[in-house]
Amino acid sequence: MPHNKPAPRLRIRLKKDDLVEVIAGKDRGKRGRVLRVLRAKSRIVVQGVGMVKKHTRPNPQRNIKGGIAEREGSIAVSNVMIVSPEDDRRARIGSQVLADGRKVRVSRRGGQLDK
């Protein structure tokens, strides 16, 4: 019987609505917005990436049609990099404390990510 260890908790610096690019896997090179961040599993859901087919059963009470629906699956957070808004290229994320004491995310390539 296989024993599944929980994924090590990574510090995820990505947030919802960040633009990311996939750097590994079958969807390498695709870009999309982060729809959900699953911190407990160290995974994220990216728009248009990692599509899976979900078989749904019809339920007239809930007005659900049956059939095969395609939706985004989660991918490992290590397989994506944020896209820097300054030059539209992939970048690593760092943090910086501003003069007024706020801590903001910055692109290592240069430029702020947070407003």
Protein backbone atom coordinates (compact mmCIF):
# COMPACT_ATOMS: atom_id res chain seq x y z
CA MET A 1 0.00 0.00 0.00
CA PRO A 2 1.67 3.27 -1.12
CA HIS A 3 2.10 5.94 1.50
CA ASN A 4 1.55 9.44 0.11
CA LYS A 5 3.58 12.03 1.94
CA PRO A 6 2.14 15.53 2.03
CA ALA A 7 3.95 18.00 -0.23
CA PRO A 8 6.48 20.16 1.61
CA ARG A 9 4.99 23.56 2.42
CA LEU A 10 6.58 26.13 0.15
CA ARG A 11 6.32 29.85 0.65
CA ILE A 12 4.18 30.76 -2.33
CA ARG A 13 4.77 34.32 -3.46
CA LEU A 14 2.19 34.17 -6.23
CA LYS A 15 -1.25 35.71 -5.81
CA LYS A 16 -4.57 35.47 -7.61
CA ASP A 17 -4.65 37.40 -10.92
CA ASP A 18 -0.85 37.33 -11.40
CA LEU A 19 0.25 36.67 -14.99
CA VAL A 20 2.46 33.56 -15.06
CA GLU A 21 4.27 31.51 -17.69
CA VAL A 22 4.59 27.71 -17.49
CA ILE A 23 8.26 26.65 -17.57
CA ALA A 24 7.88 22.86 -17.33
CA GLY A 25 5.44 20.14 -18.35
CA LYS A 26 3.13 19.56 -21.28
CA ASP A 27 1.91 23.18 -21.28
CA ARG A 28 5.41 24.73 -21.31
CA GLY A 29 5.41 28.22 -22.81
CA LYS A 30 1.73 28.94 -22.14
CA ARG A 31 0.75 32.05 -20.21
CA GLY A 32 -2.30 32.68 -18.11
CA ARG A 33 -3.74 34.36 -15.03
CA VAL A 34 -3.67 32.63 -11.64
CA LEU A 35 -7.25 31.67 -10.76
CA ARG A 36 -6.63 29.97 -7.40
CA VAL A 37 -3.68 29.37 -5.06
CA LEU A 38 -3.78 26.05 -3.16
CA ARG A 39 -1.22 26.76 -0.43
CA ALA A 40 -1.66 23.49 1.47
CA LYS A 41 -0.76 21.48 -1.64
CA SER A 42 1.80 23.95 -3.11
CA ARG A 43 -0.20 24.09 -6.33
CA ILE A 44 -1.96 26.76 -8.38
CA VAL A 45 -4.76 26.82 -10.96
CA VAL A 46 -3.87 28.81 -14.08
CA GLN A 47 -6.38 29.94 -16.72
CA GLY A 48 -6.18 27.71 -19.83
CA VAL A 49 -3.37 25.51 -18.45
CA GLY A 50 -3.53 21.86 -17.33
CA MET A 51 -6.97 21.21 -18.76
CA VAL A 52 -8.71 18.08 -17.47
CA LYS A 53 -11.97 16.44 -18.49
CA LYS A 54 -14.63 16.14 -15.80
CA HIS A 55 -17.55 13.79 -16.36
CA THR A 56 -20.70 15.32 -14.91
CA ARG A 57 -24.01 13.60 -14.30
CA PRO A 58 -27.20 15.46 -15.19
CA ASN A 59 -29.10 16.92 -12.23
CA PRO A 60 -32.39 18.57 -13.21
CA GLN A 61 -32.96 19.96 -9.69
CA ARG A 62 -29.75 22.00 -9.86
CA ASN A 63 -30.17 22.71 -13.59
CA ILE A 64 -26.91 20.89 -14.44
CA LYS A 65 -26.50 19.33 -17.87
CA GLY A 66 -24.65 16.05 -18.09
CA GLY A 67 -21.66 15.37 -20.28
CA ILE A 68 -17.93 15.91 -20.37
CA ALA A 69 -16.77 19.34 -19.25
CA GLU A 70 -13.23 20.64 -19.61
CA ARG A 71 -11.77 22.74 -16.82
CA GLU A 72 -8.41 23.78 -15.44
CA GLY A 73 -6.57 21.38 -13.18
CA SER A 74 -3.93 22.42 -10.67
CA ILE A 75 -0.21 22.46 -11.47
CA ALA A 76 2.80 22.58 -9.18
CA VAL A 77 3.84 26.10 -8.25
CA SER A 78 7.47 25.21 -9.10
CA ASN A 79 6.50 24.81 -12.77
CA VAL A 80 5.57 28.47 -13.28
CA MET A 81 7.30 31.85 -13.17
CA ILE A 82 5.71 35.26 -12.90
CA VAL A 83 5.82 37.54 -15.95
CA SER A 84 7.35 40.93 -15.19
CA PRO A 85 5.00 43.77 -16.19
CA GLU A 86 7.99 46.00 -17.05
CA ASP A 87 9.44 44.04 -19.98
CA ASP A 88 6.98 41.14 -20.46
CA ARG A 89 9.61 38.51 -19.57
CA ARG A 90 9.78 35.82 -16.90
CA ALA A 91 11.22 36.90 -13.57
CA ARG A 92 11.82 35.73 -10.03
CA ILE A 93 9.99 37.39 -7.15
CA GLY A 94 11.60 39.24 -4.28
CA SER A 95 10.31 41.59 -1.61
CA GLN A 96 11.25 45.10 -0.62
CA VAL A 97 10.29 47.37 2.26
CA LEU A 98 9.28 50.83 1.08
CA ALA A 99 10.07 54.09 2.87
CA ASP A 100 6.57 54.21 4.36
CA GLY A 101 7.06 50.73 5.91
CA ARG A 102 4.96 48.73 3.43
CA LYS A 103 6.38 45.42 2.19
CA VAL A 104 5.80 44.89 -1.54
CA ARG A 105 6.67 42.18 -4.04
CA VAL A 106 9.22 43.18 -6.66
CA SER A 107 10.46 41.54 -9.82
CA ARG A 108 14.14 40.58 -9.61
CA ARG A 109 14.41 41.83 -13.17
CA GLY A 110 13.34 45.23 -11.86
CA GLY A 111 10.02 46.85 -11.12
CA GLN A 112 7.20 46.49 -8.63
CA LEU A 113 4.57 43.77 -8.90
CA ASP A 114 2.20 45.09 -6.24
CA LYS A 115 0.44 48.43 -6.42
